[in-house]
């Protein structure tokens, strides 16, 4: 499981002209699943995302979490996080989970996030759709996590 996490002042996802998810201050989380991933990873991953201390405190130090600042989450599935480029110029996605397995893990990950932080606004993209993701990265701050 790979997560690319960006601290944002705003972000939204569109499928065509329809907005499927929109947040203000918070985290945009792009998530990809490996073919060997299982649901046992999800609790730890959700906990880590919610408790990452990447928001500034009163002294300007990254010392506060999404929970501390009452931010929002926008979670978007992205199998291309498992693109491999050792050979040639076209990525291979052989390590990415098959679509149905990835969908199940994505939905279970969202459920886990919601169970750990039911008071937060959690928006999503649309699994398997061609999406436009707009964001204003705040900092910029971008973190890559792998489980």
Protein backbone atom coordinates (compact mmCIF):
# COMPACT_ATOMS: atom_id res chain seq x y z
CA UNK A 1 0.00 0.00 0.00
CA UNK A 2 1.39 3.36 -1.03
CA UNK A 3 0.07 6.72 -0.02
CA UNK A 4 1.09 10.06 -1.42
CA UNK A 5 -0.11 12.65 1.08
CA UNK A 6 -0.25 16.35 0.33
CA UNK A 7 -1.12 19.04 2.84
CA UNK A 8 -3.57 21.33 1.08
CA UNK A 9 -5.42 24.56 1.64
CA UNK A 10 -8.06 23.19 -0.77
CA UNK A 11 -8.59 20.29 -3.16
CA UNK A 12 -11.32 18.83 -5.32
CA UNK A 13 -11.91 15.94 -7.69
CA UNK A 14 -14.08 16.08 -10.79
CA UNK A 15 -15.38 13.31 -13.02
CA UNK A 16 -16.39 15.14 -16.17
CA UNK A 17 -18.02 18.31 -14.88
CA UNK A 18 -19.31 16.68 -11.67
CA UNK A 19 -17.44 17.35 -8.42
CA UNK A 20 -17.17 14.06 -6.54
CA UNK A 21 -15.18 15.36 -3.59
CA UNK A 22 -14.09 18.72 -2.28
CA UNK A 23 -12.27 19.88 0.85
CA UNK A 24 -10.74 22.99 2.32
CA UNK A 25 -7.76 22.78 4.71
CA UNK A 26 -6.59 19.23 5.14
CA UNK A 27 -4.93 16.35 3.34
CA UNK A 28 -5.22 15.01 -0.17
CA UNK A 29 -4.37 11.31 0.01
CA UNK A 30 -3.63 9.40 -3.19
CA UNK A 31 -3.69 5.69 -2.40
CA UNK A 32 -2.53 2.71 -4.42
CA UNK A 33 -2.70 -0.95 -3.48
CA UNK A 34 -0.15 -3.69 -4.16
CA UNK A 35 -1.39 -7.09 -5.35
CA UNK A 36 -0.20 -8.64 -2.05
CA UNK A 37 -1.96 -6.09 0.20
CA UNK A 38 -4.75 -7.12 2.55
CA UNK A 39 -7.12 -5.48 5.02
CA UNK A 40 -4.72 -6.05 7.94
CA UNK A 41 -2.76 -2.97 6.77
CA UNK A 42 -5.68 -0.59 6.79
CA UNK A 43 -6.02 0.15 10.50
CA UNK A 44 -2.35 1.11 10.83
CA UNK A 45 -2.40 3.17 7.62
CA UNK A 46 -5.52 5.10 8.64
CA UNK A 47 -4.08 5.76 12.09
CA UNK A 48 -0.84 7.05 10.57
CA UNK A 49 -2.62 9.39 8.14
CA UNK A 50 -4.85 10.85 10.84
CA UNK A 51 -1.98 11.37 13.31
CA UNK A 52 0.79 12.62 10.98
CA UNK A 53 2.11 15.80 12.55
CA UNK A 54 2.49 17.93 9.41
CA UNK A 55 0.45 20.99 10.35
CA UNK A 56 2.11 23.94 12.05
CA UNK A 57 1.72 24.78 15.70
CA UNK A 58 1.80 28.34 17.09
CA UNK A 59 5.60 28.40 16.70
CA UNK A 60 5.47 27.42 13.01
CA UNK A 61 6.76 23.88 13.60
CA UNK A 62 5.08 20.86 12.04
CA UNK A 63 3.70 19.51 15.27
CA UNK A 64 -0.06 19.14 14.77
CA UNK A 65 -2.07 16.39 13.12
CA UNK A 66 -5.16 16.50 10.94
CA UNK A 67 -7.18 15.60 14.04
CA UNK A 68 -5.57 18.46 15.99
CA UNK A 69 -6.48 21.06 13.38
CA UNK A 70 -9.91 19.64 12.52
CA UNK A 71 -9.00 19.39 8.83
CA UNK A 72 -10.61 17.36 6.09
CA UNK A 73 -9.52 14.42 3.96
CA UNK A 74 -9.85 13.88 0.23
CA UNK A 75 -8.96 10.27 -0.59
CA UNK A 76 -8.40 9.28 -4.22
CA UNK A 77 -7.49 5.82 -5.53
CA UNK A 78 -4.49 5.84 -7.83
CA UNK A 79 -3.11 2.54 -9.11
CA UNK A 80 -0.34 4.41 -10.97
CA UNK A 81 1.50 4.76 -7.67
CA UNK A 82 2.69 1.22 -8.46
CA UNK A 83 4.03 2.11 -11.90
CA UNK A 84 7.51 0.62 -12.49
CA UNK A 85 9.98 2.14 -14.93
CA UNK A 86 13.13 0.02 -14.69
CA UNK A 87 12.94 -0.75 -18.41
CA UNK A 88 11.77 1.43 -21.25
CA UNK A 89 9.54 4.46 -21.03
CA UNK A 90 6.06 3.03 -20.51
CA UNK A 91 5.23 2.16 -16.90
CA UNK A 92 4.41 -1.40 -15.93
CA UNK A 93 1.61 -1.82 -13.40
CA UNK A 94 2.16 -5.51 -12.72
CA UNK A 95 2.56 -4.85 -8.97
CA UNK A 96 -0.75 -3.01 -8.64
CA UNK A 97 -3.69 -4.88 -7.18
CA UNK A 98 -6.32 -6.04 -9.69
CA UNK A 99 -9.23 -3.61 -9.96
CA UNK A 100 -11.78 -5.57 -7.90
CA UNK A 101 -9.33 -6.23 -5.07
CA UNK A 102 -8.19 -2.60 -5.11
CA UNK A 103 -11.82 -1.41 -4.99
CA UNK A 104 -12.50 -3.57 -1.93
CA UNK A 105 -9.35 -2.32 -0.19
CA UNK A 106 -10.12 1.30 -1.09
CA UNK A 107 -13.65 1.07 0.32
CA UNK A 108 -12.38 -0.71 3.44
CA UNK A 109 -9.70 1.98 3.89
CA UNK A 110 -12.36 4.70 3.69
CA UNK A 111 -14.47 2.82 6.24
CA UNK A 112 -11.45 2.55 8.54
CA UNK A 113 -10.71 6.27 8.26
CA UNK A 114 -14.35 7.07 9.01
CA UNK A 115 -14.40 4.75 12.02
CA UNK A 116 -11.28 6.34 13.48
CA UNK A 117 -12.35 9.93 12.77
CA UNK A 118 -16.12 10.01 12.43
CA UNK A 119 -16.24 13.75 13.10
CA UNK A 120 -13.98 14.68 10.13
CA UNK A 121 -15.20 15.50 6.64
CA UNK A 122 -13.91 12.74 4.36
CA UNK A 123 -14.45 13.24 0.63
CA UNK A 124 -13.49 10.86 -2.18
CA UNK A 125 -12.81 10.50 -5.82
CA UNK A 126 -14.64 7.87 -7.88
CA UNK A 127 -12.89 4.53 -8.05
CA UNK A 128 -11.90 3.56 -11.59
CA UNK A 129 -13.05 6.81 -13.18
CA UNK A 130 -10.97 9.25 -15.17
CA UNK A 131 -10.65 12.13 -12.73
CA UNK A 132 -9.30 15.65 -12.63
CA UNK A 133 -7.69 16.40 -9.27
CA UNK A 134 -7.20 20.06 -8.37
CA UNK A 135 -5.23 21.08 -5.32
CA UNK A 136 -3.47 23.94 -3.68
CA UNK A 137 -0.53 22.31 -1.89
CA UNK A 138 0.12 24.26 1.30
CA UNK A 139 3.82 24.56 2.06
CA UNK A 140 4.36 22.63 -0.12
CA UNK A 141 4.27 19.50 2.03
CA UNK A 142 4.21 16.09 0.35
CA UNK A 143 4.83 12.81 2.19
CA UNK A 144 5.09 9.28 0.78
CA UNK A 145 4.11 6.37 3.03
CA UNK A 146 4.43 2.70 2.24
CA UNK A 147 3.06 -0.24 4.21
